[in-house]
Amino acid sequence: MTFNKTDEELKQMSDDELFAYLDAKANALKEHTKPLSPYLTKKFAYIGTAIQNNDKGTDEIYKDIDHEVVKKLAEDNGKAGMEILINKIKNK
C-alpha cells in the first residue's frame, strides 16, 4: 500500500476507510522505529523543556528538569540500540 495520498483524497474517504488507512500507515511506520541515541535523547529532552518554558529566563528553564531521569533514558536507549546492532550482526 502506498501512503502518499493528497489532502483531497483523504477528505473523500469515509471514516472507516480513513481509519483503516491510518492504522495501516502506523503499522508500516512501526516497522522502521529504533531507539534514539543517548545524545539525541538528552538533546530532545532539553529542547522540549526549553520550549515549554520559553516565557522564563535562561536560568529558570532547566531548573525543573530531572537530569537523572534523562540520563537513565539515554542509557536505556543506548543499550537498546546496541542490542539491535548486535542482533543484526549475529543474523548476518
Protein backbone atom coordinates (compact mmCIF):
# COMPACT_ATOMS: atom_id res chain seq x y z
CA MET A 1 0.00 0.00 0.00
CA THR A 2 1.31 3.44 -0.84
CA PHE A 3 0.98 6.13 1.80
CA ASN A 4 1.16 9.29 -0.28
CA LYS A 5 -2.45 10.36 -0.52
CA THR A 6 -3.26 14.02 -1.02
CA ASP A 7 -5.46 16.06 1.29
CA GLU A 8 -8.29 15.88 -1.22
CA GLU A 9 -8.09 12.08 -1.41
CA LEU A 10 -8.13 11.86 2.38
CA LYS A 11 -11.15 14.17 2.62
CA GLN A 12 -13.09 11.99 0.16
CA MET A 13 -12.53 8.81 2.20
CA SER A 14 -15.22 7.54 4.54
CA ASP A 15 -14.38 7.35 8.23
CA ASP A 16 -13.86 3.59 8.09
CA GLU A 17 -11.54 3.87 5.07
CA LEU A 18 -9.61 6.72 6.69
CA PHE A 19 -9.08 4.86 9.96
CA ALA A 20 -8.05 1.69 8.11
CA TYR A 21 -5.57 3.76 6.07
CA LEU A 22 -4.17 5.42 9.20
CA ASP A 23 -3.86 2.08 11.02
CA ALA A 24 -2.00 0.56 8.08
CA LYS A 25 0.30 3.58 7.88
CA ALA A 26 1.01 3.42 11.63
CA ASN A 27 1.85 -0.28 11.39
CA ALA A 28 4.18 0.35 8.46
CA LEU A 29 5.94 3.14 10.38
CA LYS A 30 6.34 0.93 13.47
CA GLU A 31 8.48 -1.47 11.43
CA HIS A 32 11.14 1.19 11.00
CA THR A 33 11.47 2.51 14.55
CA LYS A 34 14.63 2.41 16.60
CA PRO A 35 15.64 3.88 19.95
CA LEU A 36 17.23 7.32 19.96
CA SER A 37 20.92 7.56 20.66
CA PRO A 38 21.86 8.79 24.14
CA TYR A 39 22.95 12.11 22.64
CA LEU A 40 19.63 12.68 20.84
CA THR A 41 17.61 11.57 23.89
CA LYS A 42 19.28 14.24 26.01
CA LYS A 43 19.09 16.84 23.26
CA PHE A 44 15.35 16.37 22.68
CA ALA A 45 14.62 16.32 26.42
CA TYR A 46 16.36 19.66 26.91
CA ILE A 47 14.82 21.17 23.78
CA GLY A 48 11.35 20.10 24.93
CA THR A 49 11.92 21.65 28.34
CA ALA A 50 13.18 24.88 26.78
CA ILE A 51 10.12 25.11 24.51
CA GLN A 52 7.71 24.51 27.39
CA ASN A 53 9.40 27.20 29.47
CA ASN A 54 10.08 29.74 26.73
CA ASP A 55 8.47 32.51 28.76
CA LYS A 56 11.02 32.10 31.56
CA GLY A 57 14.55 33.38 31.82
CA THR A 58 17.53 31.22 30.84
CA ASP A 59 18.38 30.35 34.46
CA GLU A 60 14.87 29.09 35.15
CA ILE A 61 14.42 26.98 32.04
CA TYR A 62 16.28 23.88 33.16
CA LYS A 63 15.78 24.06 36.93
CA ASP A 64 12.75 21.72 36.83
CA ILE A 65 14.23 19.04 34.54
CA ASP A 66 15.18 15.81 36.28
CA HIS A 67 18.68 15.21 34.96
CA GLU A 68 18.84 11.70 36.44
CA VAL A 69 15.69 10.62 34.58
CA VAL A 70 17.04 11.98 31.30
CA LYS A 71 20.39 10.28 31.93
CA LYS A 72 18.63 6.94 32.64
CA LEU A 73 16.53 7.25 29.47
CA ALA A 74 19.64 8.00 27.43
CA GLU A 75 21.45 4.96 28.88
CA ASP A 76 18.45 2.69 28.23
CA ASN A 77 18.15 3.90 24.64
CA GLY A 78 21.88 3.38 24.12
CA LYS A 79 21.65 -0.20 25.39
CA ALA A 80 18.57 -0.93 23.28
CA GLY A 81 20.28 0.46 20.18
CA MET A 82 23.38 -1.61 20.87
CA GLU A 83 21.28 -4.78 21.26
CA ILE A 84 19.65 -4.14 17.89
CA LEU A 85 23.07 -3.68 16.29
CA ILE A 86 24.42 -6.86 17.91
CA ASN A 87 21.39 -8.86 16.75
CA LYS A 88 21.79 -7.56 13.18
CA ILE A 89 25.45 -8.61 13.18
CA LYS A 90 24.59 -12.06 14.58
CA ASN A 91 21.92 -12.63 11.95
CA LYS A 92 24.26 -11.95 9.01
